[in-house]
Amino acid sequence: MNQKESGENVISDPATMLMSLPGLLLAITLHELAHGFAADALGDPTPRVSGRLSFNPLVHLDLVGTLMLLFFRFGWAKPVPINPAYFRDRRRGMLLTSAAGPTANVLAAAFALYLLFQFSGLQQVAAGVMLMWFMQYNIWLAVFNMIPIPPLDGSHVAAALIPYHSPLRGVMNMLEQYGWMILMLLLISGLFGAILFPLATYLQRSLMFLVSLVVI
């Protein structure tokens, strides 16, 4: 299961792109649902009121972010609206809600790997190929979204962990203004690939090792 080999032809091969779509849509849906359910469980009704506690992927898709995921393997979905004022502990609520999406993706990737390991014949059929794409999209979503640059989840996790009087607060406030510009520059410069693909590969190999310990 080599990430580079399985992902490099997704653009040039329409059949591969078609096979990857179900995994992409499901990974995005799980990511956003995790944010919504976490916020809802912590007392914020905003995701429920806005109709985001839905398994319909269409309500979660951001066109540009989805195309980015499909073609460049890193992207985003439409953010789930959250009102931190509903949280009893605002910092804890934002930390748990923001981390819920990437965590759900990591768990989903681990489950997909478990199925692929447990039923090795899956890798030779269409269902197994789609499962491999599902696994990889979950890994890419988790890694990309944990970058501590706004508006990605990692920035909210970092903001919740940084003490109120830390000088890093000023850095985070500056990033709030220029986050999208920084992300685009990283993408255009190719630094995203240089940084994130090794991290994604490391995460995938770590999950493969852990899952192999529990496969019967």
Protein backbone atom coordinates (compact mmCIF):
# COMPACT_ATOMS: atom_id res chain seq x y z
CA MET A 1 0.00 0.00 0.00
CA ASN A 2 2.32 2.69 -1.24
CA GLN A 3 0.73 6.13 -0.95
CA LYS A 4 2.63 7.65 -3.84
CA GLU A 5 1.95 4.77 -6.20
CA SER A 6 -1.76 4.66 -5.44
CA GLY A 7 -2.23 8.42 -5.65
CA GLU A 8 -0.08 9.66 -8.50
CA ASN A 9 -2.49 8.82 -11.36
CA VAL A 10 -5.72 10.12 -9.87
CA ILE A 11 -5.78 13.14 -12.21
CA SER A 12 -4.75 11.43 -15.44
CA ASP A 13 -6.87 8.30 -15.00
CA PRO A 14 -10.67 8.97 -15.02
CA ALA A 15 -11.37 5.45 -13.74
CA THR A 16 -9.10 6.02 -10.74
CA MET A 17 -10.74 9.37 -10.08
CA LEU A 18 -14.17 7.76 -10.15
CA MET A 19 -13.04 5.02 -7.77
CA SER A 20 -11.65 7.61 -5.36
CA LEU A 21 -14.79 9.77 -5.16
CA PRO A 22 -16.79 7.65 -2.65
CA GLY A 23 -13.86 7.65 -0.24
CA LEU A 24 -13.37 11.39 -0.65
CA LEU A 25 -17.03 12.21 0.03
CA LEU A 26 -17.23 9.88 3.02
CA ALA A 27 -13.99 11.17 4.55
CA ILE A 28 -15.17 14.79 4.25
CA THR A 29 -18.57 13.91 5.70
CA LEU A 30 -17.05 12.11 8.69
CA HIS A 31 -14.70 15.03 9.35
CA GLU A 32 -17.46 17.62 9.45
CA LEU A 33 -19.93 15.39 11.30
CA ALA A 34 -17.34 14.85 14.02
CA HIS A 35 -17.02 18.61 14.50
CA GLY A 36 -20.80 19.00 14.58
CA PHE A 37 -21.50 16.12 16.96
CA ALA A 38 -18.72 17.22 19.31
CA ALA A 39 -20.09 20.76 19.48
CA ASP A 40 -23.63 19.45 19.93
CA ALA A 41 -22.54 17.13 22.75
CA LEU A 42 -20.82 20.05 24.48
CA GLY A 43 -24.00 22.13 24.44
CA ASP A 44 -23.78 24.11 21.18
CA PRO A 45 -26.96 23.62 19.09
CA THR A 46 -25.62 25.67 16.17
CA PRO A 47 -24.53 22.72 13.96
CA ARG A 48 -27.89 21.01 14.47
CA VAL A 49 -29.91 24.16 13.79
CA SER A 50 -27.89 24.86 10.65
CA GLY A 51 -28.53 21.35 9.31
CA ARG A 52 -24.92 20.20 9.52
CA LEU A 53 -25.57 17.05 11.56
CA SER A 54 -26.31 15.32 8.28
CA PHE A 55 -24.80 12.30 6.53
CA ASN A 56 -25.50 13.98 3.19
CA PRO A 57 -22.05 14.94 1.85
CA LEU A 58 -23.52 17.73 -0.27
CA VAL A 59 -24.21 19.89 2.79
CA HIS A 60 -20.55 19.68 3.81
CA LEU A 61 -18.76 20.18 0.50
CA ASP A 62 -16.75 23.27 -0.32
CA LEU A 63 -16.24 23.25 -4.08
CA VAL A 64 -12.68 24.59 -4.08
CA GLY A 65 -11.61 22.53 -1.08
CA THR A 66 -13.05 19.33 -2.57
CA LEU A 67 -11.29 19.90 -5.90
CA MET A 68 -8.07 20.58 -4.01
CA LEU A 69 -8.43 17.25 -2.23
CA LEU A 70 -9.22 15.44 -5.45
CA PHE A 71 -6.37 16.90 -7.50
CA PHE A 72 -3.73 17.88 -4.93
CA ARG A 73 -4.65 15.49 -2.10
CA PHE A 74 -4.95 18.26 0.49
CA GLY A 75 -8.08 20.38 0.92
CA TRP A 76 -10.99 21.29 3.13
CA ALA A 77 -14.76 21.16 3.53
CA LYS A 78 -17.33 23.82 4.38
CA PRO A 79 -16.68 24.72 8.04
CA VAL A 80 -19.35 23.68 10.53
CA PRO A 81 -20.75 26.81 12.25
CA ILE A 82 -19.96 26.77 15.96
CA ASN A 83 -20.78 29.27 18.70
CA PRO A 84 -18.24 28.94 21.55
CA ALA A 85 -20.51 31.02 23.81
CA TYR A 86 -22.56 27.87 24.41
CA PHE A 87 -19.60 25.95 25.85
CA ARG A 88 -19.34 25.81 29.61
CA ASP A 89 -15.55 25.96 29.24
CA ARG A 90 -14.86 27.84 26.00
CA ARG A 91 -11.21 26.80 25.62
CA ARG A 92 -11.94 23.14 26.35
CA GLY A 93 -14.97 23.22 24.06
CA MET A 94 -12.99 24.67 21.15
CA LEU A 95 -10.14 22.23 21.73
CA LEU A 96 -12.39 19.17 21.70
CA THR A 97 -14.57 20.39 18.84
CA SER A 98 -11.62 21.34 16.65
CA ALA A 99 -9.73 18.12 17.32
CA ALA A 100 -12.80 15.97 16.67
CA GLY A 101 -12.58 16.20 12.87
CA PRO A 102 -8.94 15.08 12.42
CA THR A 103 -9.40 12.47 15.17
CA ALA A 104 -12.38 10.99 13.34
CA ASN A 105 -10.30 10.83 10.15
CA VAL A 106 -7.44 9.02 11.89
CA LEU A 107 -9.85 6.50 13.43
CA ALA A 108 -11.58 5.98 10.09
CA ALA A 109 -8.22 5.41 8.38
CA ALA A 110 -7.27 2.87 11.05
CA PHE A 111 -10.57 1.04 10.58
CA ALA A 112 -10.09 0.95 6.80
CA LEU A 113 -6.58 -0.45 7.28
CA TYR A 114 -7.93 -3.07 9.65
CA LEU A 115 -10.41 -4.25 7.02
CA LEU A 116 -7.70 -4.29 4.34
CA PHE A 117 -5.38 -6.31 6.59
CA GLN A 118 -8.06 -8.63 7.93
CA PHE A 119 -9.42 -9.39 4.47
CA SER A 120 -6.32 -9.20 2.29
CA GLY A 121 -8.23 -10.26 -0.82
CA LEU A 122 -10.06 -6.91 -0.75
CA GLN A 123 -7.03 -5.19 -2.23
CA GLN A 124 -7.56 -7.06 -5.49
CA VAL A 125 -11.19 -5.99 -6.05
CA ALA A 126 -12.96 -2.66 -6.64
CA ALA A 127 -14.29 -2.44 -3.07
CA GLY A 128 -10.75 -2.76 -1.73
CA VAL A 129 -9.42 -0.07 -4.06
CA MET A 130 -12.16 2.30 -2.89
CA LEU A 131 -11.36 1.40 0.71
CA MET A 132 -7.71 2.26 0.14
CA TRP A 133 -8.71 5.65 -1.26
CA PHE A 134 -10.99 6.18 1.73
CA MET A 135 -8.07 5.40 4.04
CA GLN A 136 -5.74 7.79 2.26
CA TYR A 137 -8.20 10.68 2.06
CA ASN A 138 -8.78 10.36 5.80
CA ILE A 139 -5.04 10.52 6.43
CA TRP A 140 -4.60 13.53 4.15
CA LEU A 141 -7.54 15.36 5.73
CA ALA A 142 -6.21 14.71 9.23
CA VAL A 143 -2.67 15.86 8.45
CA PHE A 144 -3.68 18.91 6.44
CA ASN A 145 -6.25 20.13 8.94
CA MET A 146 -3.88 19.91 11.89
CA ILE A 147 -1.63 22.60 10.41
CA PRO A 148 -1.70 25.43 13.00
CA ILE A 149 -2.61 28.09 10.44
CA PRO A 150 -6.11 29.67 10.41
CA PRO A 151 -8.71 28.70 9.47
CA LEU A 152 -7.60 25.06 9.76
CA ASP A 153 -8.45 22.96 12.80
CA GLY A 154 -4.88 22.98 14.03
CA SER A 155 -5.02 26.72 14.58
CA HIS A 156 -8.03 26.35 16.88
CA VAL A 157 -6.36 23.53 18.79
CA ALA A 158 -3.23 25.66 19.18
CA ALA A 159 -5.26 28.69 20.27
CA ALA A 160 -6.97 26.60 22.94
CA LEU A 161 -3.65 25.30 24.27
CA ILE A 162 -1.70 28.58 24.25
CA PRO A 163 -1.93 30.44 27.60
CA TYR A 164 -3.82 33.73 27.46
CA HIS A 165 -0.75 35.87 28.25
CA SER A 166 1.69 34.02 25.99
CA PRO A 167 3.48 36.05 23.27
CA LEU A 168 2.32 33.36 20.86
CA ARG A 169 -1.15 34.86 21.13
CA GLY A 170 0.06 37.79 19.05
CA VAL A 171 1.40 35.39 16.42
CA MET A 172 -1.95 33.59 16.25
CA ASN A 173 -3.79 36.90 15.90
CA MET A 174 -1.54 37.85 12.99
CA LEU A 175 -2.13 34.48 11.36
CA GLU A 176 -5.87 35.04 11.64
CA GLN A 177 -5.53 37.94 9.20
CA TYR A 178 -3.21 36.29 6.70
CA GLY A 179 -3.97 32.59 7.12
CA TRP A 180 -5.46 31.96 3.68
CA MET A 181 -2.67 33.92 2.00
CA ILE A 182 -0.04 31.85 3.81
CA LEU A 183 -1.78 28.60 2.88
CA MET A 184 -1.92 29.58 -0.78
CA LEU A 185 1.74 30.58 -0.80
CA LEU A 186 2.69 27.26 0.76
CA LEU A 187 0.69 25.43 -1.89
CA ILE A 188 2.03 27.42 -4.84
CA SER A 189 5.63 27.14 -3.61
CA GLY A 190 5.39 23.37 -3.28
CA LEU A 191 6.26 23.46 0.42
CA PHE A 192 2.98 21.75 1.25
CA GLY A 193 4.07 18.63 -0.54
CA ALA A 194 7.56 18.73 0.94
CA ILE A 195 6.19 18.98 4.48
CA LEU A 196 2.86 17.21 4.45
CA PHE A 197 3.49 14.15 2.29
CA PRO A 198 6.24 12.85 4.62
CA LEU A 199 3.93 13.45 7.59
CA ALA A 200 1.06 11.67 5.86
CA THR A 201 3.35 8.76 4.97
CA TYR A 202 4.59 8.57 8.57
CA LEU A 203 1.04 8.58 9.91
CA GLN A 204 -0.03 5.88 7.46
CA ARG A 205 2.93 3.66 8.34
CA SER A 206 2.33 4.18 12.05
CA LEU A 207 -1.31 3.19 11.67
CA MET A 208 -0.32 0.17 9.59
CA PHE A 209 2.02 -0.96 12.35
CA LEU A 210 -0.57 -0.46 15.10
CA VAL A 211 -3.33 -2.15 13.14
CA SER A 212 -1.08 -5.10 12.32
CA LEU A 213 -0.79 -5.77 16.06
CA VAL A 214 -4.52 -6.41 16.41
CA VAL A 215 -5.23 -8.24 13.16
CA ILE A 216 -6.12 -11.86 13.86
